Amino acid sequence: MKIKAKIKDDVTEVKLLLDSPMAGKEEAALKKIEEDYLTHVTAKVGGKVVWEASTGPFLSKNPYFKFEFKGAKKGDKLVIETINNKGKTDKDEAAIK
């Protein structure tokens, strides 16, 4: 997971690259691999959700997201949490610059 978060004019811009094969049932059968895709992505600052997305195998491998929100300050920690189709969770964080 790669996270870049920058504040410009009171708006925080986030660029997020996630690591997942995003292989659904059909693609997994075709490639003879296990089904593995993200189902939910959440971004939090100070415990407050600032962005979230419900996803599925319709996204490309290693999906990229770009989003903006207001209310953060430089130095705040942006925490990204993901959940995959098997319930496995992953978490990473980055300081907002």
C-alpha atoms as a PDB file:
ATOM      1  CA  MET A   1       0.000   0.000   0.000  1.00  0.00           C
ATOM      2  CA  LYS A   2       1.380   3.410  -0.973  1.00  0.00           C
ATOM      3  CA  ILE A   3      -0.142   6.562   0.488  1.00  0.00           C
ATOM      4  CA  LYS A   4       0.576  10.193  -0.352  1.00  0.00           C
ATOM      5  CA  ALA A   5      -1.404  12.947   1.377  1.00  0.00           C
ATOM      6  CA  LYS A   6      -0.809  16.659   0.867  1.00  0.00           C
ATOM      7  CA  ILE A   7      -2.676  19.760   2.021  1.00  0.00           C
ATOM      8  CA  LYS A   8      -3.197  22.630  -0.398  1.00  0.00           C
ATOM      9  CA  ASP A   9      -5.581  25.523   0.330  1.00  0.00           C
ATOM     10  CA  ASP A  10      -7.199  23.675   3.289  1.00  0.00           C
ATOM     11  CA  VAL A  11      -7.996  20.633   1.101  1.00  0.00           C
ATOM     12  CA  THR A  12      -6.148  17.354   1.621  1.00  0.00           C
ATOM     13  CA  GLU A  13      -5.470  15.448  -1.572  1.00  0.00           C
ATOM     14  CA  VAL A  14      -4.797  11.732  -1.170  1.00  0.00           C
ATOM     15  CA  LYS A  15      -3.262   9.392  -3.718  1.00  0.00           C
ATOM     16  CA  LEU A  16      -3.621   5.755  -2.728  1.00  0.00           C
ATOM     17  CA  LEU A  17      -2.210   2.676  -4.459  1.00  0.00           C
ATOM     18  CA  LEU A  18      -3.417  -0.635  -3.016  1.00  0.00           C
ATOM     19  CA  ASP A  19      -1.801  -4.045  -3.445  1.00  0.00           C
ATOM     20  CA  SER A  20      -4.381  -6.662  -4.456  1.00  0.00           C
ATOM     21  CA  PRO A  21      -4.847  -9.046  -7.386  1.00  0.00           C
ATOM     22  CA  MET A  22      -8.583  -8.150  -7.460  1.00  0.00           C
ATOM     23  CA  ALA A  23      -9.345 -11.601  -8.873  1.00  0.00           C
ATOM     24  CA  GLY A  24     -13.039 -12.513  -8.856  1.00  0.00           C
ATOM     25  CA  LYS A  25     -14.586 -15.920  -9.428  1.00  0.00           C
ATOM     26  CA  GLU A  26     -14.272 -15.996 -13.215  1.00  0.00           C
ATOM     27  CA  GLU A  27     -10.759 -14.557 -13.387  1.00  0.00           C
ATOM     28  CA  ALA A  28      -9.559 -16.857 -10.587  1.00  0.00           C
ATOM     29  CA  ALA A  29     -10.904 -19.925 -12.416  1.00  0.00           C
ATOM     30  CA  LEU A  30      -9.360 -18.804 -15.695  1.00  0.00           C
ATOM     31  CA  LYS A  31      -5.935 -18.123 -14.153  1.00  0.00           C
ATOM     32  CA  LYS A  32      -6.204 -21.081 -11.731  1.00  0.00           C
ATOM     33  CA  ILE A  33      -5.631 -18.846  -8.717  1.00  0.00           C
ATOM     34  CA  GLU A  34      -7.602 -18.183  -5.556  1.00  0.00           C
ATOM     35  CA  GLU A  35     -10.351 -15.563  -5.464  1.00  0.00           C
ATOM     36  CA  ASP A  36      -8.847 -12.485  -3.818  1.00  0.00           C
ATOM     37  CA  TYR A  37     -10.200  -8.971  -3.990  1.00  0.00           C
ATOM     38  CA  LEU A  38     -10.813  -5.988  -1.713  1.00  0.00           C
ATOM     39  CA  THR A  39     -14.384  -5.422  -0.540  1.00  0.00           C
ATOM     40  CA  HIS A  40     -13.986  -2.269   1.533  1.00  0.00           C
ATOM     41  CA  VAL A  41     -11.510   0.612   1.864  1.00  0.00           C
ATOM     42  CA  THR A  42     -11.697   3.228   4.620  1.00  0.00           C
ATOM     43  CA  ALA A  43      -9.635   6.367   5.256  1.00  0.00           C
ATOM     44  CA  LYS A  44      -9.620   7.932   8.726  1.00  0.00           C
ATOM     45  CA  VAL A  45      -8.034  10.961  10.360  1.00  0.00           C
ATOM     46  CA  GLY A  46      -8.175  11.162  14.149  1.00  0.00           C
ATOM     47  CA  GLY A  47     -10.553   8.189  14.230  1.00  0.00           C
ATOM     48  CA  LYS A  48     -13.056   9.993  11.970  1.00  0.00           C
ATOM     49  CA  VAL A  49     -13.916   8.477   8.583  1.00  0.00           C
ATOM     50  CA  VAL A  50     -13.052  10.970   5.827  1.00  0.00           C
ATOM     51  CA  TRP A  51     -13.560   8.642   2.847  1.00  0.00           C
ATOM     52  CA  GLU A  52     -14.713   5.087   2.212  1.00  0.00           C
ATOM     53  CA  ALA A  53     -15.495   2.824  -0.708  1.00  0.00           C
ATOM     54  CA  SER A  54     -17.183  -0.531  -1.182  1.00  0.00           C
ATOM     55  CA  THR A  55     -15.294  -2.368  -3.894  1.00  0.00           C
ATOM     56  CA  GLY A  56     -15.266  -5.729  -5.609  1.00  0.00           C
ATOM     57  CA  PRO A  57     -13.550  -7.753  -8.320  1.00  0.00           C
ATOM     58  CA  PHE A  58     -14.665  -5.222 -10.950  1.00  0.00           C
ATOM     59  CA  LEU A  59     -11.562  -3.096 -10.224  1.00  0.00           C
ATOM     60  CA  SER A  60      -8.207  -3.657 -11.889  1.00  0.00           C
ATOM     61  CA  LYS A  61      -5.255  -5.298 -10.175  1.00  0.00           C
ATOM     62  CA  ASN A  62      -3.556  -2.983  -7.629  1.00  0.00           C
ATOM     63  CA  PRO A  63      -6.291  -0.325  -7.716  1.00  0.00           C
ATOM     64  CA  TYR A  64      -5.446   3.370  -7.518  1.00  0.00           C
ATOM     65  CA  PHE A  65      -7.680   5.901  -5.786  1.00  0.00           C
ATOM     66  CA  LYS A  66      -7.478   9.669  -5.617  1.00  0.00           C
ATOM     67  CA  PHE A  67      -9.737  11.654  -3.301  1.00  0.00           C
ATOM     68  CA  GLU A  68      -9.928  14.941  -1.391  1.00  0.00           C
ATOM     69  CA  PHE A  69     -11.343  16.044   1.938  1.00  0.00           C
ATOM     70  CA  LYS A  70     -11.256  19.048   4.280  1.00  0.00           C
ATOM     71  CA  GLY A  71     -10.540  19.403   7.981  1.00  0.00           C
ATOM     72  CA  ALA A  72      -7.059  17.917   8.396  1.00  0.00           C
ATOM     73  CA  LYS A  73      -3.843  19.639   9.443  1.00  0.00           C
ATOM     74  CA  LYS A  74      -0.229  19.041   8.450  1.00  0.00           C
ATOM     75  CA  GLY A  75       1.202  16.257  10.560  1.00  0.00           C
ATOM     76  CA  ASP A  76      -2.142  14.492  11.126  1.00  0.00           C
ATOM     77  CA  LYS A  77      -2.028  10.755  10.491  1.00  0.00           C
ATOM     78  CA  LEU A  78      -4.138   9.361   7.677  1.00  0.00           C
ATOM     79  CA  VAL A  79      -5.008   5.714   8.396  1.00  0.00           C
ATOM     80  CA  ILE A  80      -6.093   3.443   5.543  1.00  0.00           C
ATOM     81  CA  GLU A  81      -7.859   0.169   6.354  1.00  0.00           C
ATOM     82  CA  THR A  82      -8.829  -2.511   3.837  1.00  0.00           C
ATOM     83  CA  ILE A  83     -10.898  -5.685   4.055  1.00  0.00           C
ATOM     84  CA  ASN A  84     -10.772  -8.447   1.443  1.00  0.00           C
ATOM     85  CA  ASN A  85     -13.373 -11.035   0.420  1.00  0.00           C
ATOM     86  CA  LYS A  86     -12.068 -13.503   3.028  1.00  0.00           C
ATOM     87  CA  GLY A  87     -12.299 -11.020   5.901  1.00  0.00           C
ATOM     88  CA  LYS A  88      -8.554 -10.362   6.060  1.00  0.00           C
ATOM     89  CA  THR A  89      -7.770  -6.817   7.111  1.00  0.00           C
ATOM     90  CA  ASP A  90      -4.781  -4.609   6.365  1.00  0.00           C
ATOM     91  CA  LYS A  91      -3.885  -1.222   7.787  1.00  0.00           C
ATOM     92  CA  ASP A  92      -1.301   1.425   6.953  1.00  0.00           C
ATOM     93  CA  GLU A  93      -0.823   5.085   7.780  1.00  0.00           C
ATOM     94  CA  ALA A  94       0.968   8.170   6.536  1.00  0.00           C
ATOM     95  CA  ALA A  95       1.529  11.654   7.878  1.00  0.00           C
ATOM     96  CA  ILE A  96      -0.240  14.426   5.983  1.00  0.00           C
ATOM     97  CA  LYS A  97       2.268  16.868   4.500  1.00  0.00           C
END
